[in-house]
Amino acid sequence: MPSGFEACDDGTIVRVDAAACAPIDPSDYTVDPNCAESELSTCSSHEDCTEGVGICTGSGSYESPCACRYSCETDADCSGNSICMCALDIEFGGSMGRCIPADCSTNADCEDGFACAMARFDAGCGMEYSMACQTPQDSCVTNDDCVGDVETGGCAPNDETGVWECIDYTCSIGRPFTVAGEIVAASTKGRRDWVSASAGVDAWGSIVAQVEPMSAADRRALRDYWLRNATMEHASVASFARFVMQLMHLGAPPSLLQSATEAMQDEIDHAQRCFALASRYGGESLGPDRLPLGDALGDTSWLAIMEAVIVEACIGETLAALEAGVALEHAQDAEVRETLAVIARDESRHAALGWQTLRWALSGADGKTRAALRARFEAAVARARQDALRGASRTGAESSLEAHGKLSSTRRCRLVVDGLEEVVAPVAASLWQAA
């Protein structure tokens, strides 16, 4: 059955027609018997997948927990700016249709002579897919064009310009600001007020000192890395602002509210420090643009709020503290080391706040509610682990930029796997036992 996707001689996959994908028949897929026995499973049969045409897949192990996967057949099955990617014979493509982000639907949406092409890149903790029009300014066509001395995730369109280029790993460990299930962060622009004074930046945010001699590619990689961290820390301020309102909605004690408001101040400091490093490596003062909000408050039910605490604090902040600590061990630049030391200290405190909030919430919950939350916790941990395992298994040289705080993708993904197993899982086990 034609999928509408075609592979070009150079390896590019383009979409020439918005054809319907072949439907799946759940009876063609066998459910692993361990799914019914594993406490990590969120399904034990295909009948448990009730949100559409889906299958219960996985082995029931910690590495591959059983969960529902849903297929799409047409673009109408996907929400927002996304299309249905049919099952394709490509690496990690899978055996069923999936919805992926898209700025174009077919080649007809693009300039004459340019295609609606698929980006297949490794974000650092797993493969990501998207569709976008190629442009005359593109510096790469496929991932093969990005093989070189600088570690990159592949060829993909720049989020701001739409030009295809070799991108750095973008997988971020830390407290994300999520809206409708998507991580949200501000774009950036030239400004001085978010740049903290440092050895390389004066009190007015102007660059007054340069970093040690290095290649333009390394400087750009470090600029982008610290800029990504800066926008994530900036977005964490919004995450904590929402958290304060959620705590008030749940009737939380003043000690949790006070800790949450103090954490907001920490995140502002982190963002300024990271913007200063990005500005120093980039040679220009940089700061955030406006932060998209959308329906930022979202679901205000007890279960939804606690699930956000799990993802953003218990997992995100715990791993952020661990990452900053490991990066500090390898960093040599003085300003980078100071920034990482502050972040490691503060993120540890923020993670503790998340666990304290979860413990407080569980103390007033009934058995059925606690069981439901535990299932969501284990599913979130399993997703994070599954994403990281693929990156952790990658072979290759370690990053040459660890002296400046940028860990290699492989080291970061291994850190996630180890952190989930050695820190998050034991703390969670003691929490459930106490509840």
Protein backbone atom coordinates (compact mmCIF):
# COMPACT_ATOMS: atom_id res chain seq x y z
CA MET A 1 0.00 0.00 0.00
CA PRO A 2 1.57 3.36 -1.05
CA SER A 3 2.49 5.48 1.97
CA GLY A 4 3.05 8.81 0.21
CA PHE A 5 6.69 8.78 1.35
CA GLU A 6 9.56 8.21 -1.08
CA ALA A 7 13.28 7.67 -0.55
CA CYS A 8 15.61 9.67 -2.82
CA ASP A 9 18.96 8.47 -4.10
CA ASP A 10 20.81 10.69 -1.59
CA GLY A 11 18.97 9.11 1.36
CA THR A 12 16.43 11.90 1.86
CA ILE A 13 12.88 10.80 2.64
CA VAL A 14 10.26 13.11 1.18
CA ARG A 15 6.48 13.16 1.20
CA VAL A 16 4.95 13.50 -2.22
CA ASP A 17 1.37 12.68 -1.27
CA ALA A 18 -0.74 12.68 1.91
CA ALA A 19 -1.80 9.07 1.40
CA ALA A 20 -3.41 6.99 4.12
CA CYS A 21 -1.17 4.54 5.94
CA ALA A 22 -1.92 0.84 6.05
CA PRO A 23 -4.17 0.08 9.04
CA ILE A 24 -2.91 -2.20 11.77
CA ASP A 25 -4.69 -5.23 13.14
CA PRO A 26 -3.95 -5.65 16.86
CA SER A 27 -4.47 -9.40 16.50
CA ASP A 28 -1.28 -9.48 14.41
CA TYR A 29 0.70 -8.47 17.50
CA THR A 30 1.34 -10.83 20.41
CA VAL A 31 1.26 -9.45 23.94
CA ASP A 32 4.16 -10.62 26.08
CA PRO A 33 2.84 -12.75 28.98
CA ASN A 34 5.06 -10.80 31.36
CA CYS A 35 2.91 -7.73 30.80
CA ALA A 36 0.25 -9.18 33.09
CA GLU A 37 2.80 -9.88 35.83
CA SER A 38 5.09 -6.85 35.79
CA GLU A 39 4.37 -4.02 38.21
CA LEU A 40 5.86 -1.65 35.64
CA SER A 41 3.16 -2.46 33.07
CA THR A 42 0.42 0.02 32.24
CA CYS A 43 -1.36 -2.55 30.06
CA SER A 44 -1.68 -6.32 29.93
CA SER A 45 -3.72 -6.74 26.74
CA HIS A 46 -4.66 -4.82 23.59
CA GLU A 47 -8.10 -4.25 25.10
CA ASP A 48 -6.48 -1.97 27.70
CA CYS A 49 -5.56 0.48 24.91
CA THR A 50 -8.79 2.45 24.65
CA GLU A 51 -7.66 5.83 23.28
CA GLY A 52 -7.65 4.69 19.62
CA VAL A 53 -6.24 1.88 17.51
CA GLY A 54 -3.42 0.65 19.67
CA ILE A 55 -1.46 -2.32 20.88
CA CYS A 56 0.03 -3.32 24.21
CA THR A 57 3.74 -3.70 23.53
CA GLY A 58 6.86 -4.36 25.58
CA SER A 59 8.42 -7.24 27.48
CA GLY A 60 7.47 -6.24 31.01
CA SER A 61 11.11 -5.63 31.92
CA TYR A 62 12.55 -2.45 33.37
CA GLU A 63 14.21 -1.77 30.02
CA SER A 64 11.02 -2.41 28.02
CA PRO A 65 7.90 -1.88 30.17
CA CYS A 66 4.54 -2.79 28.69
CA ALA A 67 2.59 0.24 27.50
CA CYS A 68 0.02 1.15 24.88
CA ARG A 69 1.21 2.40 21.51
CA TYR A 70 -1.32 3.98 19.21
CA SER A 71 -1.24 4.02 15.43
CA CYS A 72 -2.40 6.70 13.02
CA GLU A 73 -3.67 6.17 9.47
CA THR A 74 -4.23 9.71 8.20
CA ASP A 75 -3.16 13.22 9.16
CA ALA A 76 -6.63 13.73 10.64
CA ASP A 77 -5.67 11.29 13.40
CA CYS A 78 -2.93 13.69 14.53
CA SER A 79 -3.40 16.94 16.42
CA GLY A 80 -1.85 20.36 15.90
CA ASN A 81 0.98 20.87 13.44
CA SER A 82 1.70 17.18 12.89
CA ILE A 83 1.20 14.52 10.24
CA CYS A 84 0.95 10.74 10.22
CA MET A 85 4.28 9.06 9.39
CA CYS A 86 3.53 5.63 8.01
CA ALA A 87 5.57 2.60 9.04
CA LEU A 88 8.75 2.95 6.98
CA ASP A 89 11.79 0.78 6.49
CA ILE A 90 14.13 3.18 8.27
CA GLU A 91 16.19 2.95 11.45
CA PHE A 92 13.91 3.01 14.52
CA GLY A 93 10.98 3.72 12.22
CA GLY A 94 8.75 1.12 13.84
CA SER A 95 6.04 -1.09 12.40
CA MET A 96 3.07 1.25 12.73
CA GLY A 97 2.11 4.80 11.86
CA ARG A 98 2.96 7.60 14.29
CA CYS A 99 2.23 11.32 14.50
CA ILE A 100 5.28 13.55 14.07
CA PRO A 101 5.72 17.37 14.09
CA ALA A 102 5.45 18.91 10.63
CA ASP A 103 5.81 22.36 9.07
CA CYS A 104 4.70 20.94 5.71
CA SER A 105 2.39 18.17 4.56
CA THR A 106 3.71 17.36 1.07
CA ASN A 107 6.20 18.71 -1.47
CA ALA A 108 3.44 20.98 -2.78
CA ASP A 109 3.77 23.10 0.38
CA CYS A 110 7.39 23.98 -0.42
CA GLU A 111 9.18 26.27 -2.88
CA ASP A 112 9.62 24.95 -6.39
CA GLY A 113 12.58 22.62 -6.51
CA PHE A 114 12.55 21.93 -2.77
CA ALA A 115 10.96 19.01 -0.95
CA CYS A 116 9.00 18.38 2.20
CA ALA A 117 11.70 16.24 3.81
CA MET A 118 11.96 14.14 6.94
CA ALA A 119 14.49 15.01 9.63
CA ARG A 120 15.70 11.94 11.50
CA PHE A 121 18.03 13.05 14.24
CA ASP A 122 19.27 11.85 17.59
CA ALA A 123 18.36 14.47 20.16
CA GLY A 124 20.81 12.92 22.61
CA CYS A 125 18.39 10.58 24.39
CA GLY A 126 16.55 8.97 21.49
CA MET A 127 15.57 9.45 17.84
CA GLU A 128 13.23 12.26 16.84
CA TYR A 129 11.37 12.78 13.57
CA SER A 130 9.84 15.85 11.93
CA MET A 131 8.91 17.15 8.47
CA ALA A 132 9.97 20.51 7.03
CA CYS A 133 10.62 22.16 3.69
CA GLN A 134 14.17 22.25 2.42
CA THR A 135 15.48 25.76 1.70
CA PRO A 136 18.10 27.38 -0.57
CA GLN A 137 20.18 28.25 2.52
CA ASP A 138 20.50 24.66 3.82
CA SER A 139 24.02 23.60 4.84
CA CYS A 140 23.20 19.87 4.94
CA VAL A 141 20.77 17.43 3.33
CA THR A 142 21.13 14.19 5.29
CA ASN A 143 22.80 13.06 8.51
CA ASP A 144 25.77 11.83 6.48
CA ASP A 145 26.62 15.48 5.81
CA CYS A 146 27.13 15.99 9.55
CA VAL A 147 29.84 13.39 10.14
CA GLY A 148 32.96 15.18 11.33
CA ASP A 149 35.00 16.25 14.33
CA VAL A 150 32.12 17.98 16.14
CA GLU A 151 29.55 15.78 17.87
CA THR A 152 26.11 16.45 16.35
CA GLY A 153 22.68 14.90 16.46
CA GLY A 154 22.16 15.03 12.71
CA CYS A 155 20.75 17.26 9.98
CA ALA A 156 17.52 19.04 10.90
CA PRO A 157 15.82 22.43 10.44
CA ASN A 158 16.76 25.19 12.85
CA ASP A 159 13.78 25.94 15.12
CA GLU A 160 14.08 29.68 14.57
CA THR A 161 15.21 30.06 10.94
CA GLY A 162 13.90 26.86 9.33
CA VAL A 163 17.27 26.37 7.61
CA TRP A 164 18.56 22.79 7.67
CA GLU A 165 21.87 22.50 9.49
CA CYS A 166 23.90 20.08 11.58
CA ILE A 167 22.36 20.41 15.03
CA ASP A 168 23.80 19.82 18.45
CA TYR A 169 22.22 17.37 20.89
CA THR A 170 19.17 19.05 22.40
CA CYS A 171 18.02 16.50 24.96
CA SER A 172 17.91 18.42 28.23
CA ILE A 173 18.06 17.02 31.73
CA GLY A 174 16.31 19.20 34.28
CA ARG A 175 12.97 20.64 35.29
CA PRO A 176 11.02 21.18 32.05
CA PHE A 177 8.12 23.58 31.61
CA THR A 178 5.51 21.50 29.83
CA VAL A 179 2.27 22.68 28.23
CA ALA A 180 -0.13 20.07 26.82
CA GLY A 181 2.61 17.47 27.11
CA GLU A 182 5.19 19.46 25.12
CA ILE A 183 8.34 21.08 26.54
CA VAL A 184 8.10 24.84 26.09
CA ALA A 185 10.95 27.36 26.18
CA ALA A 186 11.47 30.89 24.91
CA SER A 187 13.42 31.68 21.78
CA THR A 188 16.41 34.00 22.20
CA LYS A 189 17.50 37.43 21.06
CA GLY A 190 20.21 39.97 21.68
CA ARG A 191 19.74 41.63 25.09
CA ARG A 192 21.94 42.41 28.09
CA ASP A 193 19.65 42.39 31.10
CA TRP A 194 19.58 38.59 31.47
CA VAL A 195 23.38 38.28 31.40
CA SER A 196 24.86 38.10 34.89
CA ALA A 197 28.14 39.89 35.56
CA SER A 198 31.06 37.47 35.40
CA ALA A 199 34.72 37.18 34.48
CA GLY A 200 33.85 37.67 30.83
CA VAL A 201 30.82 39.97 31.08
CA ASP A 202 30.57 43.34 32.82
CA ALA A 203 27.73 44.62 35.00
CA TRP A 204 25.92 46.00 31.94
CA GLY A 205 25.96 42.66 30.11
CA SER A 206 28.68 43.59 27.64
CA ILE A 207 31.32 41.04 26.61
CA VAL A 208 34.68 42.17 28.02
CA ALA A 209 36.76 38.97 27.82
CA GLN A 210 37.11 36.09 25.40
CA VAL A 211 37.49 32.40 26.08
CA GLU A 212 40.65 30.47 25.38
CA PRO A 213 41.53 29.98 21.69
CA MET A 214 39.31 27.33 20.08
CA SER A 215 37.78 26.58 16.73
CA ALA A 216 34.72 28.43 15.50
CA ALA A 217 32.80 25.12 15.52
CA ASP A 218 33.63 24.50 19.20
CA ARG A 219 32.68 28.04 20.17
CA ARG A 220 29.38 27.69 18.35
CA ALA A 221 28.70 24.31 19.98
CA LEU A 222 29.34 25.74 23.45
CA ARG A 223 27.26 28.84 22.72
CA ASP A 224 24.34 26.67 21.62
CA TYR A 225 24.75 24.28 24.55
CA TRP A 226 24.74 26.98 27.22
CA LEU A 227 22.01 28.88 25.41
CA ARG A 228 19.82 25.76 25.50
CA ASN A 229 20.52 25.40 29.22
CA ALA A 230 19.74 29.08 29.74
CA THR A 231 16.33 28.90 28.04
CA MET A 232 15.46 25.76 30.01
CA GLU A 233 16.44 27.41 33.30
CA HIS A 234 14.43 30.45 32.25
CA ALA A 235 11.41 28.23 31.56
CA SER A 236 11.87 26.58 34.95
CA VAL A 237 10.89 29.89 36.54
CA ALA A 238 7.49 29.50 34.88
CA SER A 239 7.33 25.88 35.99
CA PHE A 240 7.83 26.91 39.61
CA ALA A 241 5.36 29.79 39.27
CA ARG A 242 2.74 27.29 38.14
CA PHE A 243 3.80 24.92 40.91
CA VAL A 244 3.11 27.59 43.53
CA MET A 245 -0.44 28.03 42.22
CA GLN A 246 -0.93 24.27 42.12
CA LEU A 247 0.23 23.95 45.73
CA MET A 248 -2.21 26.65 46.79
CA HIS A 249 -4.98 24.89 44.86
CA LEU A 250 -4.25 21.69 46.82
CA GLY A 251 -4.12 23.51 50.17
CA ALA A 252 -0.42 22.85 50.77
CA PRO A 253 1.36 23.95 53.97
CA PRO A 254 3.30 27.25 53.97
CA SER A 255 6.68 25.48 54.17
CA LEU A 256 6.20 24.00 50.68
CA LEU A 257 5.06 27.35 49.28
CA GLN A 258 8.07 29.13 50.76
CA SER A 259 10.48 26.57 49.34
CA ALA A 260 8.84 26.80 45.91
CA THR A 261 9.08 30.60 45.79
CA GLU A 262 12.74 30.44 46.84
CA ALA A 263 13.35 27.94 44.05
CA MET A 264 12.00 30.46 41.52
CA GLN A 265 14.75 32.87 42.56
CA ASP A 266 17.32 30.10 42.15
CA GLU A 267 16.17 29.44 38.59
CA ILE A 268 16.43 33.12 37.67
CA ASP A 269 20.03 33.08 38.92
CA HIS A 270 20.75 29.87 36.95
CA ALA A 271 19.32 31.37 33.77
CA GLN A 272 21.43 34.53 34.12
CA ARG A 273 24.59 32.49 34.72
CA CYS A 274 23.90 30.28 31.68
CA PHE A 275 23.06 33.27 29.46
CA ALA A 276 26.38 34.81 30.55
CA LEU A 277 28.27 31.68 29.47
CA ALA A 278 26.39 31.49 26.17
CA SER A 279 27.14 35.18 25.56
CA ARG A 280 30.80 34.71 26.41
CA TYR A 281 31.24 31.77 24.05
CA GLY A 282 29.15 33.43 21.37
CA GLY A 283 30.77 36.83 21.61
CA GLU A 284 27.45 38.70 21.91
CA SER A 285 24.99 39.42 24.72
CA LEU A 286 22.03 37.03 24.56
CA GLY A 287 18.80 36.64 26.49
CA PRO A 288 15.30 35.20 26.25
CA ASP A 289 12.44 36.41 24.08
CA ARG A 290 8.80 36.04 25.15
CA LEU A 291 7.80 32.68 26.66
CA PRO A 292 4.80 31.00 24.98
CA LEU A 293 2.20 30.05 27.59
CA GLY A 294 -0.88 28.58 25.91
CA ASP A 295 -2.98 26.69 28.45
CA ALA A 296 -0.10 26.65 30.93
CA LEU A 297 -2.19 25.87 34.00
CA GLY A 298 -3.70 22.83 32.31
CA ASP A 299 -5.36 20.05 34.27
CA THR A 300 -5.69 21.05 37.93
CA SER A 301 -6.79 17.66 39.24
CA TRP A 302 -4.85 16.13 42.13
CA LEU A 303 -3.53 13.28 39.98
CA ALA A 304 -2.41 15.57 37.12
CA ILE A 305 -0.60 17.96 39.49
CA MET A 306 1.20 15.11 41.23
CA GLU A 307 2.19 13.59 37.89
CA ALA A 308 3.77 16.94 36.99
CA VAL A 309 5.65 16.89 40.31
CA ILE A 310 6.96 13.43 39.40
CA VAL A 311 8.14 14.38 35.90
CA GLU A 312 9.41 17.88 36.61
CA ALA A 313 10.83 17.52 40.13
CA CYS A 314 11.30 13.95 41.35
CA ILE A 315 12.80 12.85 38.03
CA GLY A 316 13.83 16.07 36.26
CA GLU A 317 15.42 17.93 39.17
CA THR A 318 17.10 14.80 40.57
CA LEU A 319 18.77 14.08 37.24
CA ALA A 320 19.65 17.76 36.78
CA ALA A 321 21.53 17.77 40.09
CA LEU A 322 23.38 14.59 39.11
CA GLU A 323 24.29 15.96 35.67
CA ALA A 324 25.60 19.20 37.08
CA GLY A 325 27.70 17.25 39.60
CA VAL A 326 29.25 15.01 36.92
CA ALA A 327 29.85 17.98 34.61
CA LEU A 328 31.57 19.79 37.50
CA GLU A 329 33.96 16.84 37.92
CA HIS A 330 35.14 17.22 34.31
CA ALA A 331 34.98 21.01 33.93
CA GLN A 332 38.14 23.11 34.05
CA ASP A 333 36.97 26.61 33.11
CA ALA A 334 36.60 28.61 36.34
CA GLU A 335 33.34 30.36 35.45
CA VAL A 336 31.80 27.13 34.22
CA ARG A 337 32.79 25.36 37.43
CA GLU A 338 31.25 28.10 39.56
CA THR A 339 27.99 27.92 37.60
CA LEU A 340 27.82 24.12 37.79
CA ALA A 341 28.54 24.11 41.52
CA VAL A 342 25.64 26.51 42.16
CA ILE A 343 23.27 24.55 39.91
CA ALA A 344 24.20 21.19 41.47
CA ARG A 345 23.57 22.56 44.96
CA ASP A 346 20.27 24.24 44.12
CA GLU A 347 18.85 21.44 41.96
CA SER A 348 19.46 18.97 44.79
CA ARG A 349 17.34 21.16 47.03
CA HIS A 350 14.64 21.46 44.35
CA ALA A 351 14.56 17.69 43.92
CA ALA A 352 14.12 17.30 47.68
CA LEU A 353 11.18 19.72 47.49
CA GLY A 354 9.57 17.51 44.87
CA TRP A 355 9.91 14.39 47.00
CA GLN A 356 8.62 16.28 50.07
CA THR A 357 5.59 17.45 48.09
CA LEU A 358 4.86 13.92 46.89
CA ARG A 359 5.19 12.55 50.43
CA TRP A 360 2.80 15.21 51.76
CA ALA A 361 0.26 14.50 49.01
CA LEU A 362 0.38 10.73 49.51
CA SER A 363 -0.23 11.10 53.25
CA GLY A 364 -3.78 12.25 52.54
CA ALA A 365 -4.58 9.95 49.60
CA ASP A 366 -6.58 6.71 49.69
CA GLY A 367 -5.21 3.39 48.50
CA LYS A 368 -6.77 3.55 45.04
CA THR A 369 -5.38 7.03 44.38
CA ARG A 370 -1.92 6.05 45.63
CA ALA A 371 -1.94 3.02 43.32
CA ALA A 372 -2.93 5.17 40.34
CA LEU A 373 -0.16 7.66 41.06
CA ARG A 374 2.40 4.89 41.52
CA ALA A 375 1.50 3.50 38.10
CA ARG A 376 2.06 6.92 36.55
CA PHE A 377 5.35 7.30 38.39
CA GLU A 378 6.65 3.96 37.17
CA ALA A 379 5.50 4.70 33.62
CA ALA A 380 7.33 8.05 33.66
CA VAL A 381 10.53 6.42 34.93
CA ALA A 382 10.24 3.67 32.33
CA ARG A 383 9.81 6.20 29.50
CA ALA A 384 12.85 8.18 30.63
CA ARG A 385 14.91 5.01 30.92
CA GLN A 386 13.84 3.63 27.57
CA ASP A 387 14.72 6.90 25.82
CA ALA A 388 18.12 7.04 27.48
CA LEU A 389 19.09 3.42 26.91
CA ARG A 390 19.40 3.92 23.16
CA GLY A 391 21.72 6.87 23.61
CA ALA A 392 23.69 5.12 26.36
CA SER A 393 24.47 2.22 24.03
CA ARG A 394 26.01 4.51 21.41
CA THR A 395 29.73 4.09 20.87
CA GLY A 396 32.01 7.00 20.07
CA ALA A 397 34.51 9.47 21.41
CA GLU A 398 33.78 11.47 24.52
CA SER A 399 33.10 15.16 24.08
CA SER A 400 36.19 17.31 23.67
CA LEU A 401 34.29 20.16 25.35
CA GLU A 402 33.82 18.65 28.82
CA ALA A 403 36.35 21.15 30.15
CA HIS A 404 33.71 23.77 29.37
CA GLY A 405 30.79 21.86 30.95
CA LYS A 406 29.41 20.08 27.88
CA LEU A 407 29.18 16.36 28.58
CA SER A 408 29.02 13.95 25.68
CA SER A 409 25.63 12.63 24.66
CA THR A 410 26.66 9.09 25.60
CA ARG A 411 27.81 10.10 29.08
CA ARG A 412 24.62 12.09 29.69
CA CYS A 413 22.38 9.20 28.64
CA ARG A 414 24.31 6.77 30.82
CA LEU A 415 23.91 9.25 33.65
CA VAL A 416 20.13 9.14 33.17
CA VAL A 417 20.07 5.33 33.24
CA ASP A 418 22.27 5.16 36.34
CA GLY A 419 20.47 8.00 38.09
CA LEU A 420 17.07 6.42 37.58
CA GLU A 421 18.29 3.07 38.88
CA GLU A 422 20.58 4.18 41.71
CA VAL A 423 18.81 7.30 43.00
CA VAL A 424 15.23 7.75 41.76
CA ALA A 425 14.13 4.10 42.12
CA PRO A 426 15.39 3.62 45.72
CA VAL A 427 13.93 6.91 46.93
CA ALA A 428 10.61 6.08 45.28
CA ALA A 429 10.59 2.59 46.78
CA SER A 430 11.00 3.98 50.30
CA LEU A 431 8.27 6.53 49.61
CA TRP A 432 5.74 3.93 48.45
CA GLN A 433 6.59 1.71 51.40
CA ALA A 434 6.02 4.56 53.84
CA ALA A 435 2.71 5.44 52.14
